């Protein structure tokens, strides 16, 4: 990850966050709103907001955009933040599945 001059692999990012924080990071990075995350995980929107705040503190970030950049940089090599998928609607961009590091 390139934010703040720090680089992490996906595994290193997973080690810095709790399982739930990492799960929320994945959902935020895929464009989910707090209410959607809360409904999906069966927790309150306030709990989601608290989790996101704690993620920011752990990673020294201040907003969702930075969080998404950290996550995507860990998941996708060579700063390619999105790939176009042939089956997606015209002009749509989707994120590939995270790549595990060896």
PDB file of N, CA and C in Angstrom:
ATOM      1  N   UNK A   1       0.831  -1.155   0.000  1.00  0.00           N
ATOM      2  CA  UNK A   1       0.000   0.000   0.000  1.00  0.00           C
ATOM      3  C   UNK A   1       0.880   1.224   0.000  1.00  0.00           C
ATOM      4  N   UNK A   2       0.487   2.225  -0.710  1.00  0.00           N
ATOM      5  CA  UNK A   2       1.344   3.365  -0.896  1.00  0.00           C
ATOM      6  C   UNK A   2       1.011   4.560  -0.020  1.00  0.00           C
ATOM      7  N   UNK A   3      -0.123   4.553   0.641  1.00  0.00           N
ATOM      8  CA  UNK A   3      -0.528   5.686   1.454  1.00  0.00           C
ATOM      9  C   UNK A   3       0.483   5.933   2.564  1.00  0.00           C
ATOM     10  N   UNK A   4       0.826   7.175   2.791  1.00  0.00           N
ATOM     11  CA  UNK A   4       1.738   7.580   3.847  1.00  0.00           C
ATOM     12  C   UNK A   4       3.113   6.934   3.696  1.00  0.00           C
ATOM     13  N   UNK A   5       3.488   6.512   2.494  1.00  0.00           N
ATOM     14  CA  UNK A   5       4.790   5.929   2.259  1.00  0.00           C
ATOM     15  C   UNK A   5       4.970   4.549   2.869  1.00  0.00           C
ATOM     16  N   UNK A   6       3.880   3.879   3.239  1.00  0.00           N
ATOM     17  CA  UNK A   6       3.946   2.562   3.862  1.00  0.00           C
ATOM     18  C   UNK A   6       3.395   1.533   2.892  1.00  0.00           C
ATOM     19  N   UNK A   7       4.006   0.356   2.873  1.00  0.00           N
ATOM     20  CA  UNK A   7       3.541  -0.690   1.979  1.00  0.00           C
ATOM     21  C   UNK A   7       3.263  -1.957   2.787  1.00  0.00           C
ATOM     22  N   UNK A   8       2.080  -2.547   2.594  1.00  0.00           N
ATOM     23  CA  UNK A   8       1.713  -3.777   3.276  1.00  0.00           C
ATOM     24  C   UNK A   8       1.170  -4.770   2.268  1.00  0.00           C
ATOM     25  N   UNK A   9       1.416  -6.042   2.537  1.00  0.00           N
ATOM     26  CA  UNK A   9       0.766  -7.089   1.758  1.00  0.00           C
ATOM     27  C   UNK A   9      -0.608  -7.335   2.372  1.00  0.00           C
ATOM     28  N   UNK A  10      -1.413  -8.117   1.692  1.00  0.00           N
ATOM     29  CA  UNK A  10      -2.734  -8.463   2.210  1.00  0.00           C
ATOM     30  C   UNK A  10      -2.617  -9.176   3.553  1.00  0.00           C
ATOM     31  N   UNK A  11      -1.671 -10.079   3.693  1.00  0.00           N
ATOM     32  CA  UNK A  11      -1.497 -10.810   4.950  1.00  0.00           C
ATOM     33  C   UNK A  11      -1.080  -9.879   6.078  1.00  0.00           C
ATOM     34  N   UNK A  12      -0.203  -8.918   5.787  1.00  0.00           N
ATOM     35  CA  UNK A  12       0.207  -7.961   6.808  1.00  0.00           C
ATOM     36  C   UNK A  12      -0.970  -7.086   7.240  1.00  0.00           C
ATOM     37  N   UNK A  13      -1.804  -6.715   6.279  1.00  0.00           N
ATOM     38  CA  UNK A  13      -2.989  -5.924   6.604  1.00  0.00           C
ATOM     39  C   UNK A  13      -3.930  -6.726   7.505  1.00  0.00           C
ATOM     40  N   UNK A  14      -4.109  -8.015   7.188  1.00  0.00           N
ATOM     41  CA  UNK A  14      -4.965  -8.879   8.012  1.00  0.00           C
ATOM     42  C   UNK A  14      -4.424  -8.992   9.436  1.00  0.00           C
ATOM     43  N   UNK A  15      -3.106  -8.988   9.590  1.00  0.00           N
ATOM     44  CA  UNK A  15      -2.513  -9.093  10.926  1.00  0.00           C
ATOM     45  C   UNK A  15      -2.682  -7.807  11.729  1.00  0.00           C
ATOM     46  N   UNK A  16      -2.813  -6.675  11.073  1.00  0.00           N
ATOM     47  CA  UNK A  16      -2.960  -5.386  11.779  1.00  0.00           C
ATOM     48  C   UNK A  16      -4.397  -5.130  12.228  1.00  0.00           C
ATOM     49  N   UNK A  17      -5.360  -5.832  11.622  1.00  0.00           N
ATOM     50  CA  UNK A  17      -6.774  -5.610  11.915  1.00  0.00           C
ATOM     51  C   UNK A  17      -7.381  -6.859  12.532  1.00  0.00           C
ATOM     52  N   UNK A  18      -8.453  -6.675  13.317  1.00  0.00           N
ATOM     53  CA  UNK A  18      -9.197  -7.831  13.788  1.00  0.00           C
ATOM     54  C   UNK A  18      -9.930  -8.446  12.588  1.00  0.00           C
ATOM     55  N   UNK A  19     -10.433  -9.653  12.792  1.00  0.00           N
ATOM     56  CA  UNK A  19     -11.173 -10.308  11.715  1.00  0.00           C
ATOM     57  C   UNK A  19     -12.352  -9.447  11.279  1.00  0.00           C
ATOM     58  N   UNK A  20     -13.092  -8.910  12.242  1.00  0.00           N
ATOM     59  CA  UNK A  20     -14.261  -8.091  11.927  1.00  0.00           C
ATOM     60  C   UNK A  20     -13.847  -6.785  11.243  1.00  0.00           C
ATOM     61  N   UNK A  21     -12.774  -6.166  11.706  1.00  0.00           N
ATOM     62  CA  UNK A  21     -12.296  -4.940  11.067  1.00  0.00           C
ATOM     63  C   UNK A  21     -11.891  -5.204   9.618  1.00  0.00           C
ATOM     64  N   UNK A  22     -11.243  -6.333   9.382  1.00  0.00           N
ATOM     65  CA  UNK A  22     -10.850  -6.665   8.013  1.00  0.00           C
ATOM     66  C   UNK A  22     -12.080  -6.903   7.143  1.00  0.00           C
ATOM     67  N   UNK A  23     -13.067  -7.588   7.696  1.00  0.00           N
ATOM     68  CA  UNK A  23     -14.313  -7.842   6.967  1.00  0.00           C
ATOM     69  C   UNK A  23     -14.992  -6.526   6.584  1.00  0.00           C
ATOM     70  N   UNK A  24     -15.053  -5.591   7.516  1.00  0.00           N
ATOM     71  CA  UNK A  24     -15.642  -4.276   7.245  1.00  0.00           C
ATOM     72  C   UNK A  24     -14.806  -3.530   6.200  1.00  0.00           C
ATOM     73  N   UNK A  25     -13.490  -3.631   6.292  1.00  0.00           N
ATOM     74  CA  UNK A  25     -12.613  -2.995   5.298  1.00  0.00           C
ATOM     75  C   UNK A  25     -12.914  -3.505   3.898  1.00  0.00           C
ATOM     76  N   UNK A  26     -13.096  -4.808   3.758  1.00  0.00           N
ATOM     77  CA  UNK A  26     -13.434  -5.380   2.454  1.00  0.00           C
ATOM     78  C   UNK A  26     -14.748  -4.807   1.924  1.00  0.00           C
ATOM     79  N   UNK A  27     -15.748  -4.722   2.785  1.00  0.00           N
ATOM     80  CA  UNK A  27     -17.052  -4.230   2.354  1.00  0.00           C
ATOM     81  C   UNK A  27     -17.003  -2.741   2.009  1.00  0.00           C
ATOM     82  N   UNK A  28     -16.331  -1.949   2.830  1.00  0.00           N
ATOM     83  CA  UNK A  28     -16.173  -0.524   2.537  1.00  0.00           C
ATOM     84  C   UNK A  28     -15.463  -0.352   1.196  1.00  0.00           C
ATOM     85  N   UNK A  29     -14.440  -1.150   0.968  1.00  0.00           N
ATOM     86  CA  UNK A  29     -13.651  -1.039  -0.261  1.00  0.00           C
ATOM     87  C   UNK A  29     -14.420  -1.468  -1.499  1.00  0.00           C
ATOM     88  N   UNK A  30     -15.519  -2.162  -1.285  1.00  0.00           N
ATOM     89  CA  UNK A  30     -16.375  -2.545  -2.404  1.00  0.00           C
ATOM     90  C   UNK A  30     -17.583  -1.625  -2.531  1.00  0.00           C
ATOM     91  N   UNK A  31     -17.532  -0.484  -1.835  1.00  0.00           N
ATOM     92  CA  UNK A  31     -18.549   0.546  -2.009  1.00  0.00           C
ATOM     93  C   UNK A  31     -19.770   0.440  -1.124  1.00  0.00           C
ATOM     94  N   UNK A  32     -19.745  -0.433  -0.124  1.00  0.00           N
ATOM     95  CA  UNK A  32     -20.900  -0.596   0.752  1.00  0.00           C
ATOM     96  C   UNK A  32     -21.003   0.579   1.712  1.00  0.00           C
ATOM     97  N   UNK A  33     -22.219   1.032   1.958  1.00  0.00           N
ATOM     98  CA  UNK A  33     -22.498   2.068   2.949  1.00  0.00           C
ATOM     99  C   UNK A  33     -22.616   1.418   4.331  1.00  0.00           C
ATOM    100  N   UNK A  34     -22.496   2.220   5.379  1.00  0.00           N
ATOM    101  CA  UNK A  34     -22.558   1.691   6.745  1.00  0.00           C
ATOM    102  C   UNK A  34     -23.839   0.905   7.011  1.00  0.00           C
ATOM    103  N   UNK A  35     -24.979   1.415   6.549  1.00  0.00           N
ATOM    104  CA  UNK A  35     -26.260   0.724   6.781  1.00  0.00           C
ATOM    105  C   UNK A  35     -26.274  -0.641   6.100  1.00  0.00           C
ATOM    106  N   UNK A  36     -25.716  -0.732   4.905  1.00  0.00           N
ATOM    107  CA  UNK A  36     -25.656  -2.014   4.192  1.00  0.00           C
ATOM    108  C   UNK A  36     -24.742  -2.993   4.929  1.00  0.00           C
ATOM    109  N   UNK A  37     -23.600  -2.494   5.395  1.00  0.00           N
ATOM    110  CA  UNK A  37     -22.662  -3.340   6.135  1.00  0.00           C
ATOM    111  C   UNK A  37     -23.334  -3.849   7.408  1.00  0.00           C
ATOM    112  N   UNK A  38     -24.016  -2.956   8.116  1.00  0.00           N
ATOM    113  CA  UNK A  38     -24.696  -3.330   9.358  1.00  0.00           C
ATOM    114  C   UNK A  38     -25.724  -4.431   9.113  1.00  0.00           C
ATOM    115  N   UNK A  39     -26.545  -4.259   8.092  1.00  0.00           N
ATOM    116  CA  UNK A  39     -27.567  -5.263   7.785  1.00  0.00           C
ATOM    117  C   UNK A  39     -26.928  -6.600   7.411  1.00  0.00           C
ATOM    118  N   UNK A  40     -25.872  -6.553   6.617  1.00  0.00           N
ATOM    119  CA  UNK A  40     -25.188  -7.766   6.168  1.00  0.00           C
ATOM    120  C   UNK A  40     -24.552  -8.527   7.335  1.00  0.00           C
ATOM    121  N   UNK A  41     -23.952  -7.781   8.270  1.00  0.00           N
ATOM    122  CA  UNK A  41     -23.247  -8.414   9.382  1.00  0.00           C
ATOM    123  C   UNK A  41     -24.118  -8.630  10.610  1.00  0.00           C
ATOM    124  N   UNK A  42     -25.352  -8.084  10.594  1.00  0.00           N
ATOM    125  CA  UNK A  42     -26.243  -8.245  11.730  1.00  0.00           C
ATOM    126  C   UNK A  42     -25.824  -7.441  12.949  1.00  0.00           C
ATOM    127  N   UNK A  43     -25.256  -6.260  12.699  1.00  0.00           N
ATOM    128  CA  UNK A  43     -24.846  -5.360  13.773  1.00  0.00           C
ATOM    129  C   UNK A  43     -25.459  -3.988  13.513  1.00  0.00           C
ATOM    130  N   UNK A  44     -25.342  -3.083  14.455  1.00  0.00           N
ATOM    131  CA  UNK A  44     -25.939  -1.761  14.277  1.00  0.00           C
ATOM    132  C   UNK A  44     -25.045  -0.861  13.425  1.00  0.00           C
ATOM    133  N   UNK A  45     -25.638   0.123  12.744  1.00  0.00           N
ATOM    134  CA  UNK A  45     -24.836   1.091  11.989  1.00  0.00           C
ATOM    135  C   UNK A  45     -23.836   1.837  12.876  1.00  0.00           C
ATOM    136  N   UNK A  46     -24.192   2.075  14.143  1.00  0.00           N
ATOM    137  CA  UNK A  46     -23.266   2.734  15.067  1.00  0.00           C
ATOM    138  C   UNK A  46     -22.037   1.851  15.323  1.00  0.00           C
ATOM    139  N   UNK A  47     -22.249   0.546  15.427  1.00  0.00           N
ATOM    140  CA  UNK A  47     -21.128  -0.383  15.600  1.00  0.00           C
ATOM    141  C   UNK A  47     -20.231  -0.353  14.374  1.00  0.00           C
ATOM    142  N   UNK A  48     -20.829  -0.296  13.197  1.00  0.00           N
ATOM    143  CA  UNK A  48     -20.039  -0.204  11.963  1.00  0.00           C
ATOM    144  C   UNK A  48     -19.197   1.068  11.975  1.00  0.00           C
ATOM    145  N   UNK A  49     -19.811   2.187  12.344  1.00  0.00           N
ATOM    146  CA  UNK A  49     -19.081   3.456  12.400  1.00  0.00           C
ATOM    147  C   UNK A  49     -17.926   3.379  13.394  1.00  0.00           C
ATOM    148  N   UNK A  50     -18.157   2.728  14.524  1.00  0.00           N
ATOM    149  CA  UNK A  50     -17.090   2.564  15.524  1.00  0.00           C
ATOM    150  C   UNK A  50     -15.969   1.697  14.972  1.00  0.00           C
ATOM    151  N   UNK A  51     -16.320   0.601  14.311  1.00  0.00           N
ATOM    152  CA  UNK A  51     -15.310  -0.268  13.707  1.00  0.00           C
ATOM    153  C   UNK A  51     -14.467   0.504  12.688  1.00  0.00           C
ATOM    154  N   UNK A  52     -15.114   1.295  11.856  1.00  0.00           N
ATOM    155  CA  UNK A  52     -14.400   2.061  10.843  1.00  0.00           C
ATOM    156  C   UNK A  52     -13.475   3.083  11.499  1.00  0.00           C
ATOM    157  N   UNK A  53     -13.931   3.738  12.542  1.00  0.00           N
ATOM    158  CA  UNK A  53     -13.086   4.698  13.268  1.00  0.00           C
ATOM    159  C   UNK A  53     -11.846   4.019  13.833  1.00  0.00           C
ATOM    160  N   UNK A  54     -12.019   2.828  14.372  1.00  0.00           N
ATOM    161  CA  UNK A  54     -10.878   2.087  14.936  1.00  0.00           C
ATOM    162  C   UNK A  54      -9.926   1.611  13.847  1.00  0.00           C
ATOM    163  N   UNK A  55     -10.467   1.273  12.688  1.00  0.00           N
ATOM    164  CA  UNK A  55      -9.619   0.904  11.548  1.00  0.00           C
ATOM    165  C   UNK A  55      -8.758   2.106  11.153  1.00  0.00           C
ATOM    166  N   UNK A  56      -9.378   3.279  11.064  1.00  0.00           N
ATOM    167  CA  UNK A  56      -8.633   4.496  10.739  1.00  0.00           C
ATOM    168  C   UNK A  56      -7.488   4.707  11.721  1.00  0.00           C
ATOM    169  N   UNK A  57      -7.767   4.531  13.014  1.00  0.00           N
ATOM    170  CA  UNK A  57      -6.729   4.722  14.028  1.00  0.00           C
ATOM    171  C   UNK A  57      -5.590   3.722  13.868  1.00  0.00           C
ATOM    172  N   UNK A  58      -5.936   2.464  13.651  1.00  0.00           N
ATOM    173  CA  UNK A  58      -4.903   1.429  13.516  1.00  0.00           C
ATOM    174  C   UNK A  58      -4.009   1.649  12.297  1.00  0.00           C
ATOM    175  N   UNK A  59      -4.600   2.176  11.220  1.00  0.00           N
ATOM    176  CA  UNK A  59      -3.847   2.353   9.975  1.00  0.00           C
ATOM    177  C   UNK A  59      -3.397   3.802   9.757  1.00  0.00           C
ATOM    178  N   UNK A  60      -3.682   4.669  10.729  1.00  0.00           N
ATOM    179  CA  UNK A  60      -3.326   6.087  10.626  1.00  0.00           C
ATOM    180  C   UNK A  60      -3.949   6.725   9.385  1.00  0.00           C
ATOM    181  N   UNK A  61      -5.252   6.497   9.213  1.00  0.00           N
ATOM    182  CA  UNK A  61      -5.993   7.030   8.082  1.00  0.00           C
ATOM    183  C   UNK A  61      -7.064   7.984   8.587  1.00  0.00           C
ATOM    184  N   UNK A  62      -7.673   8.745   7.663  1.00  0.00           N
ATOM    185  CA  UNK A  62      -8.700   9.697   8.083  1.00  0.00           C
ATOM    186  C   UNK A  62     -10.018   9.567   7.333  1.00  0.00           C
ATOM    187  N   UNK A  63     -10.067   8.756   6.249  1.00  0.00           N
ATOM    188  CA  UNK A  63     -11.319   8.679   5.501  1.00  0.00           C
ATOM    189  C   UNK A  63     -11.421   7.387   4.694  1.00  0.00           C
ATOM    190  N   UNK A  64     -12.608   7.157   4.126  1.00  0.00           N
ATOM    191  CA  UNK A  64     -12.903   5.938   3.364  1.00  0.00           C
ATOM    192  C   UNK A  64     -12.035   5.808   2.120  1.00  0.00           C
ATOM    193  N   UNK A  65     -11.756   6.915   1.482  1.00  0.00           N
ATOM    194  CA  UNK A  65     -10.938   6.859   0.263  1.00  0.00           C
ATOM    195  C   UNK A  65      -9.555   6.307   0.587  1.00  0.00           C
ATOM    196  N   UNK A  66      -8.949   6.807   1.645  1.00  0.00           N
ATOM    197  CA  UNK A  66      -7.643   6.298   2.046  1.00  0.00           C
ATOM    198  C   UNK A  66      -7.723   4.818   2.400  1.00  0.00           C
ATOM    199  N   UNK A  67      -8.771   4.432   3.122  1.00  0.00           N
ATOM    200  CA  UNK A  67      -8.947   3.030   3.487  1.00  0.00           C
ATOM    201  C   UNK A  67      -9.054   2.151   2.248  1.00  0.00           C
ATOM    202  N   UNK A  68      -9.843   2.584   1.281  1.00  0.00           N
ATOM    203  CA  UNK A  68      -9.990   1.826   0.033  1.00  0.00           C
ATOM    204  C   UNK A  68      -8.651   1.699  -0.694  1.00  0.00           C
ATOM    205  N   UNK A  69      -7.903   2.777  -0.744  1.00  0.00           N
ATOM    206  CA  UNK A  69      -6.597   2.737  -1.411  1.00  0.00           C
ATOM    207  C   UNK A  69      -5.656   1.762  -0.733  1.00  0.00           C
ATOM    208  N   UNK A  70      -5.643   1.736   0.601  1.00  0.00           N
ATOM    209  CA  UNK A  70      -4.796   0.795   1.340  1.00  0.00           C
ATOM    210  C   UNK A  70      -5.192  -0.637   1.010  1.00  0.00           C
ATOM    211  N   UNK A  71      -6.476  -0.918   1.086  1.00  0.00           N
ATOM    212  CA  UNK A  71      -6.965  -2.270   0.837  1.00  0.00           C
ATOM    213  C   UNK A  71      -6.663  -2.709  -0.594  1.00  0.00           C
ATOM    214  N   UNK A  72      -6.975  -1.845  -1.550  1.00  0.00           N
ATOM    215  CA  UNK A  72      -6.775  -2.205  -2.946  1.00  0.00           C
ATOM    216  C   UNK A  72      -5.303  -2.364  -3.287  1.00  0.00           C
ATOM    217  N   UNK A  73      -4.466  -1.518  -2.730  1.00  0.00           N
ATOM    218  CA  UNK A  73      -3.030  -1.643  -2.981  1.00  0.00           C
ATOM    219  C   UNK A  73      -2.492  -2.963  -2.430  1.00  0.00           C
ATOM    220  N   UNK A  74      -3.073  -3.442  -1.338  1.00  0.00           N
ATOM    221  CA  UNK A  74      -2.652  -4.727  -0.764  1.00  0.00           C
ATOM    222  C   UNK A  74      -3.155  -5.901  -1.597  1.00  0.00           C
ATOM    223  N   UNK A  75      -4.313  -5.728  -2.245  1.00  0.00           N
ATOM    224  CA  UNK A  75      -4.962  -6.826  -2.972  1.00  0.00           C
ATOM    225  C   UNK A  75      -4.556  -6.919  -4.437  1.00  0.00           C
ATOM    226  N   UNK A  76      -4.278  -5.786  -5.041  1.00  0.00           N
ATOM    227  CA  UNK A  76      -4.100  -5.750  -6.487  1.00  0.00           C
ATOM    228  C   UNK A  76      -2.682  -5.302  -6.812  1.00  0.00           C
ATOM    229  N   UNK A  77      -1.934  -6.097  -7.551  1.00  0.00           N
ATOM    230  CA  UNK A  77      -0.553  -5.751  -7.868  1.00  0.00           C
ATOM    231  C   UNK A  77      -0.448  -4.596  -8.860  1.00  0.00           C
ATOM    232  N   UNK A  78       0.692  -3.948  -8.845  1.00  0.00           N
ATOM    233  CA  UNK A  78       1.045  -2.928  -9.846  1.00  0.00           C
ATOM    234  C   UNK A  78       0.092  -1.748  -9.895  1.00  0.00           C
ATOM    235  N   UNK A  79      -0.501  -1.384  -8.757  1.00  0.00           N
ATOM    236  CA  UNK A  79      -1.389  -0.228  -8.684  1.00  0.00           C
ATOM    237  C   UNK A  79      -2.542  -0.262  -9.677  1.00  0.00           C
ATOM    238  N   UNK A  80      -2.926  -1.432 -10.167  1.00  0.00           N
ATOM    239  CA  UNK A  80      -4.084  -1.534 -11.050  1.00  0.00           C
ATOM    240  C   UNK A  80      -5.308  -1.652 -10.151  1.00  0.00           C
ATOM    241  N   UNK A  81      -5.994  -0.536  -9.886  1.00  0.00           N
ATOM    242  CA  UNK A  81      -7.039  -0.512  -8.880  1.00  0.00           C
ATOM    243  C   UNK A  81      -8.340  -1.160  -9.307  1.00  0.00           C
ATOM    244  N   UNK A  82      -8.577  -1.358 -10.574  1.00  0.00           N
ATOM    245  CA  UNK A  82      -9.813  -2.012 -11.003  1.00  0.00           C
ATOM    246  C   UNK A  82      -9.598  -2.631 -12.374  1.00  0.00           C
ATOM    247  N   UNK A  83     -10.378  -3.622 -12.669  1.00  0.00           N
ATOM    248  CA  UNK A  83     -10.311  -4.250 -13.983  1.00  0.00           C
ATOM    249  C   UNK A  83     -11.708  -4.284 -14.574  1.00  0.00           C
ATOM    250  N   UNK A  84     -11.794  -4.144 -15.878  1.00  0.00           N
ATOM    251  CA  UNK A  84     -13.091  -4.216 -16.528  1.00  0.00           C
ATOM    252  C   UNK A  84     -13.417  -5.682 -16.791  1.00  0.00           C
ATOM    253  N   UNK A  85     -14.615  -6.082 -16.499  1.00  0.00           N
ATOM    254  CA  UNK A  85     -15.044  -7.462 -16.669  1.00  0.00           C
ATOM    255  C   UNK A  85     -16.014  -7.523 -17.848  1.00  0.00           C
ATOM    256  N   UNK A  86     -15.788  -8.467 -18.743  1.00  0.00           N
ATOM    257  CA  UNK A  86     -16.596  -8.560 -19.952  1.00  0.00           C
ATOM    258  C   UNK A  86     -18.079  -8.749 -19.651  1.00  0.00           C
ATOM    259  N   UNK A  87     -18.413  -9.471 -18.593  1.00  0.00           N
ATOM    260  CA  UNK A  87     -19.814  -9.749 -18.272  1.00  0.00           C
ATOM    261  C   UNK A  87     -20.512  -8.597 -17.542  1.00  0.00           C
ATOM    262  N   UNK A  88     -19.749  -7.598 -17.116  1.00  0.00           N
ATOM    263  CA  UNK A  88     -20.342  -6.476 -16.386  1.00  0.00           C
ATOM    264  C   UNK A  88     -21.085  -5.561 -17.350  1.00  0.00           C
ATOM    265  N   UNK A  89     -22.044  -4.786 -16.844  1.00  0.00           N
ATOM    266  CA  UNK A  89     -22.740  -3.829 -17.703  1.00  0.00           C
ATOM    267  C   UNK A  89     -21.745  -2.872 -18.357  1.00  0.00           C
ATOM    268  N   UNK A  90     -22.105  -2.356 -19.505  1.00  0.00           N
ATOM    269  CA  UNK A  90     -21.214  -1.464 -20.244  1.00  0.00           C
ATOM    270  C   UNK A  90     -20.736  -0.327 -19.347  1.00  0.00           C
ATOM    271  N   UNK A  91     -19.429  -0.112 -19.343  1.00  0.00           N
ATOM    272  CA  UNK A  91     -18.842   0.975 -18.584  1.00  0.00           C
ATOM    273  C   UNK A  91     -18.671   0.705 -17.101  1.00  0.00           C
ATOM    274  N   UNK A  92     -19.110  -0.470 -16.621  1.00  0.00           N
ATOM    275  CA  UNK A  92     -18.992  -0.780 -15.198  1.00  0.00           C
ATOM    276  C   UNK A  92     -17.595  -1.287 -14.881  1.00  0.00           C
ATOM    277  N   UNK A  93     -17.167  -0.987 -13.696  1.00  0.00           N
ATOM    278  CA  UNK A  93     -15.875  -1.469 -13.201  1.00  0.00           C
ATOM    279  C   UNK A  93     -16.129  -2.264 -11.940  1.00  0.00           C
ATOM    280  N   UNK A  94     -15.477  -3.395 -11.816  1.00  0.00           N
ATOM    281  CA  UNK A  94     -15.608  -4.216 -10.616  1.00  0.00           C
ATOM    282  C   UNK A  94     -14.220  -4.554 -10.101  1.00  0.00           C
ATOM    283  N   UNK A  95     -14.131  -4.843  -8.825  1.00  0.00           N
ATOM    284  CA  UNK A  95     -12.862  -5.174  -8.213  1.00  0.00           C
ATOM    285  C   UNK A  95     -12.626  -6.675  -8.301  1.00  0.00           C
ATOM    286  N   UNK A  96     -11.426  -7.076  -8.643  1.00  0.00           N
ATOM    287  CA  UNK A  96     -11.122  -8.512  -8.624  1.00  0.00           C
ATOM    288  C   UNK A  96     -11.043  -9.019  -7.202  1.00  0.00           C
ATOM    289  N   UNK A  97     -11.090 -10.317  -7.028  1.00  0.00           N
ATOM    290  CA  UNK A  97     -10.957 -10.905  -5.702  1.00  0.00           C
ATOM    291  C   UNK A  97      -9.553 -10.632  -5.195  1.00  0.00           C
ATOM    292  N   UNK A  98      -9.388 -10.475  -3.880  1.00  0.00           N
ATOM    293  CA  UNK A  98      -8.048 -10.235  -3.328  1.00  0.00           C
ATOM    294  C   UNK A  98      -7.118 -11.389  -3.642  1.00  0.00           C
ATOM    295  N   UNK A  99      -5.877 -11.049  -3.889  1.00  0.00           N
ATOM    296  CA  UNK A  99      -4.860 -12.068  -4.126  1.00  0.00           C
ATOM    297  C   UNK A  99      -4.141 -12.354  -2.820  1.00  0.00           C
ATOM    298  N   UNK A 100      -4.086 -13.597  -2.451  1.00  0.00           N
ATOM    299  CA  UNK A 100      -3.358 -13.988  -1.249  1.00  0.00           C
ATOM    300  C   UNK A 100      -1.871 -13.974  -1.571  1.00  0.00           C
ATOM    301  N   UNK A 101      -1.057 -13.589  -0.592  1.00  0.00           N
ATOM    302  CA  UNK A 101       0.382 -13.583  -0.785  1.00  0.00           C
ATOM    303  C   UNK A 101       0.951 -14.896  -0.314  1.00  0.00           C
ATOM    304  N   UNK A 102       2.057 -15.291  -0.898  1.00  0.00           N
ATOM    305  CA  UNK A 102       2.675 -16.566  -0.538  1.00  0.00           C
ATOM    306  C   UNK A 102       3.517 -16.440   0.696  1.00  0.00           C
TER     307      UNK A 102
END
